[in-house]
mmCIF file of all heavy atoms, coordinates in Angstrom:
data_MODEL
# 
_entry.id   MODEL 
# 
loop_
_atom_site.group_PDB 
_atom_site.id 
_atom_site.type_symbol 
_atom_site.label_atom_id 
_atom_site.label_alt_id 
_atom_site.label_comp_id 
_atom_site.label_asym_id 
_atom_site.label_entity_id 
_atom_site.label_seq_id 
_atom_site.pdbx_PDB_ins_code 
_atom_site.Cartn_x 
_atom_site.Cartn_y 
_atom_site.Cartn_z 
_atom_site.occupancy 
_atom_site.B_iso_or_equiv 
_atom_site.pdbx_formal_charge 
_atom_site.auth_seq_id 
_atom_site.auth_comp_id 
_atom_site.auth_asym_id 
_atom_site.auth_atom_id 
_atom_site.pdbx_PDB_model_num 
ATOM 1   N N   . ALA A 1 1  ? -53.605 -14.104 -16.093 1.00 0.00 ? 1  ALA A N   1 
ATOM 2   C CA  . ALA A 1 1  ? -54.231 -13.691 -17.351 1.00 0.00 ? 1  ALA A CA  1 
ATOM 3   C C   . ALA A 1 1  ? -54.793 -12.282 -17.292 1.00 0.00 ? 1  ALA A C   1 
ATOM 4   O O   . ALA A 1 1  ? -55.468 -11.857 -18.220 1.00 0.00 ? 1  ALA A O   1 
ATOM 5   C CB  . ALA A 1 1  ? -55.342 -14.671 -17.711 1.00 0.00 ? 1  ALA A CB  1 
ATOM 6   N N   . THR A 1 2  ? -54.543 -11.537 -16.204 1.00 0.00 ? 2  THR A N   1 
ATOM 7   C CA  . THR A 1 2  ? -55.138 -10.207 -16.083 1.00 0.00 ? 2  THR A CA  1 
ATOM 8   C C   . THR A 1 2  ? -54.072 -9.119  -16.015 1.00 0.00 ? 2  THR A C   1 
ATOM 9   O O   . THR A 1 2  ? -52.966 -9.338  -15.548 1.00 0.00 ? 2  THR A O   1 
ATOM 10  C CB  . THR A 1 2  ? -56.014 -10.112 -14.818 1.00 0.00 ? 2  THR A CB  1 
ATOM 11  O OG1 . THR A 1 2  ? -55.189 -10.279 -13.671 1.00 0.00 ? 2  THR A OG1 1 
ATOM 12  C CG2 . THR A 1 2  ? -57.125 -11.151 -14.829 1.00 0.00 ? 2  THR A CG2 1 
ATOM 13  N N   . THR A 1 3  ? -54.467 -7.948  -16.478 1.00 0.00 ? 3  THR A N   1 
ATOM 14  C CA  . THR A 1 3  ? -53.639 -6.755  -16.354 1.00 0.00 ? 3  THR A CA  1 
ATOM 15  C C   . THR A 1 3  ? -54.466 -5.715  -15.616 1.00 0.00 ? 3  THR A C   1 
ATOM 16  O O   . THR A 1 3  ? -55.630 -5.494  -15.941 1.00 0.00 ? 3  THR A O   1 
ATOM 17  C CB  . THR A 1 3  ? -53.228 -6.213  -17.735 1.00 0.00 ? 3  THR A CB  1 
ATOM 18  O OG1 . THR A 1 3  ? -52.487 -7.235  -18.415 1.00 0.00 ? 3  THR A OG1 1 
ATOM 19  C CG2 . THR A 1 3  ? -52.362 -4.976  -17.608 1.00 0.00 ? 3  THR A CG2 1 
ATOM 20  N N   . THR A 1 4  ? -53.853 -5.081  -14.615 1.00 0.00 ? 4  THR A N   1 
ATOM 21  C CA  . THR A 1 4  ? -54.546 -4.105  -13.784 1.00 0.00 ? 4  THR A CA  1 
ATOM 22  C C   . THR A 1 4  ? -53.759 -2.810  -13.766 1.00 0.00 ? 4  THR A C   1 
ATOM 23  O O   . THR A 1 4  ? -52.532 -2.825  -13.790 1.00 0.00 ? 4  THR A O   1 
ATOM 24  C CB  . THR A 1 4  ? -54.655 -4.639  -12.332 1.00 0.00 ? 4  THR A CB  1 
ATOM 25  O OG1 . THR A 1 4  ? -55.226 -5.934  -12.355 1.00 0.00 ? 4  THR A OG1 1 
ATOM 26  C CG2 . THR A 1 4  ? -55.487 -3.734  -11.463 1.00 0.00 ? 4  THR A CG2 1 
ATOM 27  N N   . GLU A 1 5  ? -54.483 -1.705  -13.717 1.00 0.00 ? 5  GLU A N   1 
ATOM 28  C CA  . GLU A 1 5  ? -53.837 -0.410  -13.554 1.00 0.00 ? 5  GLU A CA  1 
ATOM 29  C C   . GLU A 1 5  ? -54.017 0.027   -12.113 1.00 0.00 ? 5  GLU A C   1 
ATOM 30  O O   . GLU A 1 5  ? -55.094 -0.121  -11.547 1.00 0.00 ? 5  GLU A O   1 
ATOM 31  C CB  . GLU A 1 5  ? -54.444 0.614   -14.511 1.00 0.00 ? 5  GLU A CB  1 
ATOM 32  C CG  . GLU A 1 5  ? -54.127 0.301   -15.958 1.00 0.00 ? 5  GLU A CG  1 
ATOM 33  C CD  . GLU A 1 5  ? -54.530 1.410   -16.915 1.00 0.00 ? 5  GLU A CD  1 
ATOM 34  O OE1 . GLU A 1 5  ? -54.665 2.564   -16.472 1.00 0.00 ? 5  GLU A OE1 1 
ATOM 35  O OE2 . GLU A 1 5  ? -54.693 1.100   -18.095 1.00 0.00 ? 5  GLU A OE2 1 
ATOM 36  N N   . LEU A 1 6  ? -52.932 0.544   -11.528 1.00 0.00 ? 6  LEU A N   1 
ATOM 37  C CA  . LEU A 1 6  ? -53.026 1.002   -10.150 1.00 0.00 ? 6  LEU A CA  1 
ATOM 38  C C   . LEU A 1 6  ? -52.033 2.108   -9.884  1.00 0.00 ? 6  LEU A C   1 
ATOM 39  O O   . LEU A 1 6  ? -51.092 2.319   -10.653 1.00 0.00 ? 6  LEU A O   1 
ATOM 40  C CB  . LEU A 1 6  ? -52.814 -0.158  -9.174  1.00 0.00 ? 6  LEU A CB  1 
ATOM 41  C CG  . LEU A 1 6  ? -51.481 -0.900  -9.226  1.00 0.00 ? 6  LEU A CG  1 
ATOM 42  C CD1 . LEU A 1 6  ? -50.553 -0.393  -8.136  1.00 0.00 ? 6  LEU A CD1 1 
ATOM 43  C CD2 . LEU A 1 6  ? -51.738 -2.380  -9.004  1.00 0.00 ? 6  LEU A CD2 1 
ATOM 44  N N   . LEU A 1 7  ? -52.265 2.817   -8.783  1.00 0.00 ? 7  LEU A N   1 
ATOM 45  C CA  . LEU A 1 7  ? -51.329 3.833   -8.338  1.00 0.00 ? 7  LEU A CA  1 
ATOM 46  C C   . LEU A 1 7  ? -50.171 3.103   -7.689  1.00 0.00 ? 7  LEU A C   1 
ATOM 47  O O   . LEU A 1 7  ? -50.308 2.533   -6.616  1.00 0.00 ? 7  LEU A O   1 
ATOM 48  C CB  . LEU A 1 7  ? -51.999 4.778   -7.334  1.00 0.00 ? 7  LEU A CB  1 
ATOM 49  C CG  . LEU A 1 7  ? -51.079 5.831   -6.734  1.00 0.00 ? 7  LEU A CG  1 
ATOM 50  C CD1 . LEU A 1 7  ? -50.722 6.885   -7.774  1.00 0.00 ? 7  LEU A CD1 1 
ATOM 51  C CD2 . LEU A 1 7  ? -51.721 6.475   -5.524  1.00 0.00 ? 7  LEU A CD2 1 
ATOM 52  N N   . GLY A 1 8  ? -49.034 3.106   -8.360  1.00 0.00 ? 8  GLY A N   1 
ATOM 53  C CA  . GLY A 1 8  ? -47.866 2.409   -7.844  1.00 0.00 ? 8  GLY A CA  1 
ATOM 54  C C   . GLY A 1 8  ? -47.088 3.221   -6.840  1.00 0.00 ? 8  GLY A C   1 
ATOM 55  O O   . GLY A 1 8  ? -46.343 2.674   -6.029  1.00 0.00 ? 8  GLY A O   1 
ATOM 56  N N   . GLY A 1 9  ? -47.267 4.533   -6.879  1.00 0.00 ? 9  GLY A N   1 
ATOM 57  C CA  . GLY A 1 9  ? -46.578 5.411   -5.947  1.00 0.00 ? 9  GLY A CA  1 
ATOM 58  C C   . GLY A 1 9  ? -46.900 6.855   -6.247  1.00 0.00 ? 9  GLY A C   1 
ATOM 59  O O   . GLY A 1 9  ? -47.565 7.164   -7.237  1.00 0.00 ? 9  GLY A O   1 
ATOM 60  N N   . PHE A 1 10 ? -46.430 7.721   -5.363  1.00 0.00 ? 10 PHE A N   1 
ATOM 61  C CA  . PHE A 1 10 ? -46.649 9.152   -5.568  1.00 0.00 ? 10 PHE A CA  1 
ATOM 62  C C   . PHE A 1 10 ? -45.584 9.926   -4.810  1.00 0.00 ? 10 PHE A C   1 
ATOM 63  O O   . PHE A 1 10 ? -44.953 9.415   -3.886  1.00 0.00 ? 10 PHE A O   1 
ATOM 64  C CB  . PHE A 1 10 ? -48.049 9.576   -5.102  1.00 0.00 ? 10 PHE A CB  1 
ATOM 65  C CG  . PHE A 1 10 ? -48.171 9.639   -3.608  1.00 0.00 ? 10 PHE A CG  1 
ATOM 66  C CD1 . PHE A 1 10 ? -47.991 10.835  -2.938  1.00 0.00 ? 10 PHE A CD1 1 
ATOM 67  C CD2 . PHE A 1 10 ? -48.430 8.500   -2.872  1.00 0.00 ? 10 PHE A CD2 1 
ATOM 68  C CE1 . PHE A 1 10 ? -48.063 10.891  -1.555  1.00 0.00 ? 10 PHE A CE1 1 
ATOM 69  C CE2 . PHE A 1 10 ? -48.513 8.540   -1.496  1.00 0.00 ? 10 PHE A CE2 1 
ATOM 70  C CZ  . PHE A 1 10 ? -48.325 9.742   -0.825  1.00 0.00 ? 10 PHE A CZ  1 
ATOM 71  N N   . GLY A 1 11 ? -45.394 11.156  -5.213  1.00 0.00 ? 11 GLY A N   1 
ATOM 72  C CA  . GLY A 1 11 ? -44.507 12.077  -4.517  1.00 0.00 ? 11 GLY A CA  1 
ATOM 73  C C   . GLY A 1 11 ? -45.112 13.461  -4.556  1.00 0.00 ? 11 GLY A C   1 
ATOM 74  O O   . GLY A 1 11 ? -45.772 13.818  -5.533  1.00 0.00 ? 11 GLY A O   1 
ATOM 75  N N   . ALA A 1 12 ? -44.913 14.230  -3.498  1.00 0.00 ? 12 ALA A N   1 
ATOM 76  C CA  . ALA A 1 12 ? -45.406 15.605  -3.439  1.00 0.00 ? 12 ALA A CA  1 
ATOM 77  C C   . ALA A 1 12 ? -44.266 16.506  -3.012  1.00 0.00 ? 12 ALA A C   1 
ATOM 78  O O   . ALA A 1 12 ? -43.628 16.257  -1.981  1.00 0.00 ? 12 ALA A O   1 
ATOM 79  C CB  . ALA A 1 12 ? -46.574 15.723  -2.466  1.00 0.00 ? 12 ALA A CB  1 
ATOM 80  N N   . MET A 1 13 ? -43.990 17.528  -3.819  1.00 0.00 ? 13 MET A N   1 
ATOM 81  C CA  . MET A 1 13 ? -42.906 18.461  -3.514  1.00 0.00 ? 13 MET A CA  1 
ATOM 82  C C   . MET A 1 13 ? -43.425 19.883  -3.582  1.00 0.00 ? 13 MET A C   1 
ATOM 83  O O   . MET A 1 13 ? -44.087 20.271  -4.544  1.00 0.00 ? 13 MET A O   1 
ATOM 84  C CB  . MET A 1 13 ? -41.742 18.294  -4.487  1.00 0.00 ? 13 MET A CB  1 
ATOM 85  C CG  . MET A 1 13 ? -40.547 19.168  -4.128  1.00 0.00 ? 13 MET A CG  1 
ATOM 86  S SD  . MET A 1 13 ? -39.143 18.914  -5.229  1.00 0.00 ? 13 MET A SD  1 
ATOM 87  C CE  . MET A 1 13 ? -38.547 17.358  -4.620  1.00 0.00 ? 13 MET A CE  1 
ATOM 88  N N   . GLU A 1 14 ? -43.092 20.648  -2.536  1.00 0.00 ? 14 GLU A N   1 
ATOM 89  C CA  . GLU A 1 14 ? -43.450 22.059  -2.467  1.00 0.00 ? 14 GLU A CA  1 
ATOM 90  C C   . GLU A 1 14 ? -42.243 22.878  -2.906  1.00 0.00 ? 14 GLU A C   1 
ATOM 91  O O   . GLU A 1 14 ? -41.125 22.660  -2.428  1.00 0.00 ? 14 GLU A O   1 
ATOM 92  C CB  . GLU A 1 14 ? -43.848 22.425  -1.041  1.00 0.00 ? 14 GLU A CB  1 
ATOM 93  C CG  . GLU A 1 14 ? -44.322 23.841  -0.891  1.00 0.00 ? 14 GLU A CG  1 
ATOM 94  C CD  . GLU A 1 14 ? -44.834 24.126  0.510   1.00 0.00 ? 14 GLU A CD  1 
ATOM 95  O OE1 . GLU A 1 14 ? -44.563 23.333  1.433   1.00 0.00 ? 14 GLU A OE1 1 
ATOM 96  O OE2 . GLU A 1 14 ? -45.505 25.154  0.664   1.00 0.00 ? 14 GLU A OE2 1 
ATOM 97  N N   . PHE A 1 15 ? -42.482 23.821  -3.801  1.00 0.00 ? 15 PHE A N   1 
ATOM 98  C CA  . PHE A 1 15 ? -41.416 24.632  -4.376  1.00 0.00 ? 15 PHE A CA  1 
ATOM 99  C C   . PHE A 1 15 ? -41.422 26.034  -3.778  1.00 0.00 ? 15 PHE A C   1 
ATOM 100 O O   . PHE A 1 15 ? -42.443 26.710  -3.791  1.00 0.00 ? 15 PHE A O   1 
ATOM 101 C CB  . PHE A 1 15 ? -41.592 24.739  -5.900  1.00 0.00 ? 15 PHE A CB  1 
ATOM 102 C CG  . PHE A 1 15 ? -41.412 23.423  -6.602  1.00 0.00 ? 15 PHE A CG  1 
ATOM 103 C CD1 . PHE A 1 15 ? -42.454 22.514  -6.686  1.00 0.00 ? 15 PHE A CD1 1 
ATOM 104 C CD2 . PHE A 1 15 ? -40.195 23.090  -7.158  1.00 0.00 ? 15 PHE A CD2 1 
ATOM 105 C CE1 . PHE A 1 15 ? -42.289 21.289  -7.320  1.00 0.00 ? 15 PHE A CE1 1 
ATOM 106 C CE2 . PHE A 1 15 ? -40.016 21.870  -7.799  1.00 0.00 ? 15 PHE A CE2 1 
ATOM 107 C CZ  . PHE A 1 15 ? -41.070 20.970  -7.873  1.00 0.00 ? 15 PHE A CZ  1 
ATOM 108 N N   . GLY A 1 16 ? -40.271 26.454  -3.250  1.00 0.00 ? 16 GLY A N   1 
ATOM 109 C CA  . GLY A 1 16 ? -40.092 27.820  -2.770  1.00 0.00 ? 16 GLY A CA  1 
ATOM 110 C C   . GLY A 1 16 ? -39.251 28.588  -3.769  1.00 0.00 ? 16 GLY A C   1 
ATOM 111 O O   . GLY A 1 16 ? -39.081 28.156  -4.916  1.00 0.00 ? 16 GLY A O   1 
ATOM 112 N N   . LEU A 1 17 ? -38.703 29.706  -3.334  1.00 0.00 ? 17 LEU A N   1 
ATOM 113 C CA  . LEU A 1 17 ? -37.890 30.514  -4.236  1.00 0.00 ? 17 LEU A CA  1 
ATOM 114 C C   . LEU A 1 17 ? -36.550 29.864  -4.553  1.00 0.00 ? 17 LEU A C   1 
ATOM 115 O O   . LEU A 1 17 ? -36.124 29.853  -5.701  1.00 0.00 ? 17 LEU A O   1 
ATOM 116 C CB  . LEU A 1 17 ? -37.660 31.907  -3.641  1.00 0.00 ? 17 LEU A CB  1 
ATOM 117 C CG  . LEU A 1 17 ? -38.901 32.787  -3.563  1.00 0.00 ? 17 LEU A CG  1 
ATOM 118 C CD1 . LEU A 1 17 ? -38.581 34.100  -2.881  1.00 0.00 ? 17 LEU A CD1 1 
ATOM 119 C CD2 . LEU A 1 17 ? -39.458 33.025  -4.955  1.00 0.00 ? 17 LEU A CD2 1 
ATOM 120 N N   . ASP A 1 18 ? -35.867 29.323  -3.532  1.00 0.00 ? 18 ASP A N   1 
ATOM 121 C CA  . ASP A 1 18 ? -34.563 28.714  -3.783  1.00 0.00 ? 18 ASP A CA  1 
ATOM 122 C C   . ASP A 1 18 ? -34.416 27.329  -3.158  1.00 0.00 ? 18 ASP A C   1 
ATOM 123 O O   . ASP A 1 18 ? -33.381 26.695  -3.281  1.00 0.00 ? 18 ASP A O   1 
ATOM 124 C CB  . ASP A 1 18 ? -33.429 29.631  -3.306  1.00 0.00 ? 18 ASP A CB  1 
ATOM 125 C CG  . ASP A 1 18 ? -33.560 30.019  -1.839  1.00 0.00 ? 18 ASP A CG  1 
ATOM 126 O OD1 . ASP A 1 18 ? -34.521 29.587  -1.180  1.00 0.00 ? 18 ASP A OD1 1 
ATOM 127 O OD2 . ASP A 1 18 ? -32.697 30.774  -1.354  1.00 0.00 ? 18 ASP A OD2 1 
ATOM 128 N N   . ARG A 1 19 ? -35.472 26.854  -2.493  1.00 0.00 ? 19 ARG A N   1 
ATOM 129 C CA  . ARG A 1 19 ? -35.476 25.523  -1.877  1.00 0.00 ? 19 ARG A CA  1 
ATOM 130 C C   . ARG A 1 19 ? -36.794 24.840  -2.181  1.00 0.00 ? 19 ARG A C   1 
ATOM 131 O O   . ARG A 1 19 ? -37.813 25.489  -2.328  1.00 0.00 ? 19 ARG A O   1 
ATOM 132 C CB  . ARG A 1 19 ? -35.356 25.627  -0.358  1.00 0.00 ? 19 ARG A CB  1 
ATOM 133 C CG  . ARG A 1 19 ? -34.090 26.245  0.142   1.00 0.00 ? 19 ARG A CG  1 
ATOM 134 C CD  . ARG A 1 19 ? -34.156 26.413  1.646   1.00 0.00 ? 19 ARG A CD  1 
ATOM 135 N NE  . ARG A 1 19 ? -33.680 25.226  2.318   1.00 0.00 ? 19 ARG A NE  1 
ATOM 136 C CZ  . ARG A 1 19 ? -32.438 25.048  2.719   1.00 0.00 ? 19 ARG A CZ  1 
ATOM 137 N NH1 . ARG A 1 19 ? -31.552 25.993  2.512   1.00 0.00 ? 19 ARG A NH1 1 
ATOM 138 N NH2 . ARG A 1 19 ? -32.071 23.945  3.323   1.00 0.00 ? 19 ARG A NH2 1 
ATOM 139 N N   . ALA A 1 20 ? -36.708 23.527  -2.236  1.00 0.00 ? 20 ALA A N   1 
ATOM 140 C CA  . ALA A 1 20 ? -37.926 22.716  -2.371  1.00 0.00 ? 20 ALA A CA  1 
ATOM 141 C C   . ALA A 1 20 ? -38.002 21.800  -1.156  1.00 0.00 ? 20 ALA A C   1 
ATOM 142 O O   . ALA A 1 20 ? -36.986 21.481  -0.535  1.00 0.00 ? 20 ALA A O   1 
ATOM 143 C CB  . ALA A 1 20 ? -37.885 21.897  -3.656  1.00 0.00 ? 20 ALA A CB  1 
ATOM 144 N N   . HIS A 1 21 ? -39.212 21.397  -0.817  1.00 0.00 ? 21 HIS A N   1 
ATOM 145 C CA  . HIS A 1 21 ? -39.428 20.495  0.314   1.00 0.00 ? 21 HIS A CA  1 
ATOM 146 C C   . HIS A 1 21 ? -40.198 19.280  -0.184  1.00 0.00 ? 21 HIS A C   1 
ATOM 147 O O   . HIS A 1 21 ? -41.303 19.417  -0.702  1.00 0.00 ? 21 HIS A O   1 
ATOM 148 C CB  . HIS A 1 21 ? -40.208 21.202  1.423   1.00 0.00 ? 21 HIS A CB  1 
ATOM 149 C CG  . HIS A 1 21 ? -40.340 20.384  2.650   1.00 0.00 ? 21 HIS A CG  1 
ATOM 150 N ND1 . HIS A 1 21 ? -41.521 19.803  3.012   1.00 0.00 ? 21 HIS A ND1 1 
ATOM 151 C CD2 . HIS A 1 21 ? -39.430 20.010  3.580   1.00 0.00 ? 21 HIS A CD2 1 
ATOM 152 C CE1 . HIS A 1 21 ? -41.347 19.118  4.137   1.00 0.00 ? 21 HIS A CE1 1 
ATOM 153 N NE2 . HIS A 1 21 ? -40.087 19.229  4.500   1.00 0.00 ? 21 HIS A NE2 1 
ATOM 154 N N   . LEU A 1 22 ? -39.578 18.110  -0.072  1.00 0.00 ? 22 LEU A N   1 
ATOM 155 C CA  . LEU A 1 22 ? -40.261 16.865  -0.423  1.00 0.00 ? 22 LEU A CA  1 
ATOM 156 C C   . LEU A 1 22 ? -41.191 16.538  0.729   1.00 0.00 ? 22 LEU A C   1 
ATOM 157 O O   . LEU A 1 22 ? -40.745 16.170  1.815   1.00 0.00 ? 22 LEU A O   1 
ATOM 158 C CB  . LEU A 1 22 ? -39.261 15.738  -0.678  1.00 0.00 ? 22 LEU A CB  1 
ATOM 159 C CG  . LEU A 1 22 ? -39.859 14.422  -1.148  1.00 0.00 ? 22 LEU A CG  1 
ATOM 160 C CD1 . LEU A 1 22 ? -40.578 14.581  -2.493  1.00 0.00 ? 22 LEU A CD1 1 
ATOM 161 C CD2 . LEU A 1 22 ? -38.776 13.353  -1.251  1.00 0.00 ? 22 LEU A CD2 1 
ATOM 162 N N   . VAL A 1 23 ? -42.474 16.702  0.508   1.00 0.00 ? 23 VAL A N   1 
ATOM 163 C CA  . VAL A 1 23 ? -43.480 16.553  1.553   1.00 0.00 ? 23 VAL A CA  1 
ATOM 164 C C   . VAL A 1 23 ? -43.806 15.083  1.776   1.00 0.00 ? 23 VAL A C   1 
ATOM 165 O O   . VAL A 1 23 ? -43.879 14.620  2.921   1.00 0.00 ? 23 VAL A O   1 
ATOM 166 C CB  . VAL A 1 23 ? -44.763 17.346  1.191   1.00 0.00 ? 23 VAL A CB  1 
ATOM 167 C CG1 . VAL A 1 23 ? -45.830 17.211  2.260   1.00 0.00 ? 23 VAL A CG1 1 
ATOM 168 C CG2 . VAL A 1 23 ? -44.424 18.816  0.940   1.00 0.00 ? 23 VAL A CG2 1 
ATOM 169 N N   . LEU A 1 24 ? -44.032 14.346  0.693   1.00 0.00 ? 24 LEU A N   1 
ATOM 170 C CA  . LEU A 1 24 ? -44.441 12.941  0.769   1.00 0.00 ? 24 LEU A CA  1 
ATOM 171 C C   . LEU A 1 24 ? -43.835 12.167  -0.396  1.00 0.00 ? 24 LEU A C   1 
ATOM 172 O O   . LEU A 1 24 ? -43.734 12.698  -1.503  1.00 0.00 ? 24 LEU A O   1 
ATOM 173 C CB  . LEU A 1 24 ? -45.971 12.814  0.684   1.00 0.00 ? 24 LEU A CB  1 
ATOM 174 C CG  . LEU A 1 24 ? -46.808 13.482  1.769   1.00 0.00 ? 24 LEU A CG  1 
ATOM 175 C CD1 . LEU A 1 24 ? -48.267 13.570  1.333   1.00 0.00 ? 24 LEU A CD1 1 
ATOM 176 C CD2 . LEU A 1 24 ? -46.684 12.734  3.082   1.00 0.00 ? 24 LEU A CD2 1 
ATOM 177 N N   . LEU A 1 25 ? -43.498 10.907  -0.151  1.00 0.00 ? 25 LEU A N   1 
ATOM 178 C CA  . LEU A 1 25 ? -43.055 10.004  -1.208  1.00 0.00 ? 25 LEU A CA  1 
ATOM 179 C C   . LEU A 1 25 ? -43.338 8.582   -0.730  1.00 0.00 ? 25 LEU A C   1 
ATOM 180 O O   . LEU A 1 25 ? -42.916 8.216   0.370   1.00 0.00 ? 25 LEU A O   1 
ATOM 181 C CB  . LEU A 1 25 ? -41.565 10.167  -1.510  1.00 0.00 ? 25 LEU A CB  1 
ATOM 182 C CG  . LEU A 1 25 ? -41.030 9.308   -2.658  1.00 0.00 ? 25 LEU A CG  1 
ATOM 183 C CD1 . LEU A 1 25 ? -41.476 9.879   -4.004  1.00 0.00 ? 25 LEU A CD1 1 
ATOM 184 C CD2 . LEU A 1 25 ? -39.520 9.224   -2.613  1.00 0.00 ? 25 LEU A CD2 1 
# 
């Protein structure tokens, strides 16, 4: 009977000039 809000996931990406780096997921 309950509804909860939570952090289901996250991702962190660092952006360079021509490449990106997925730091965390």
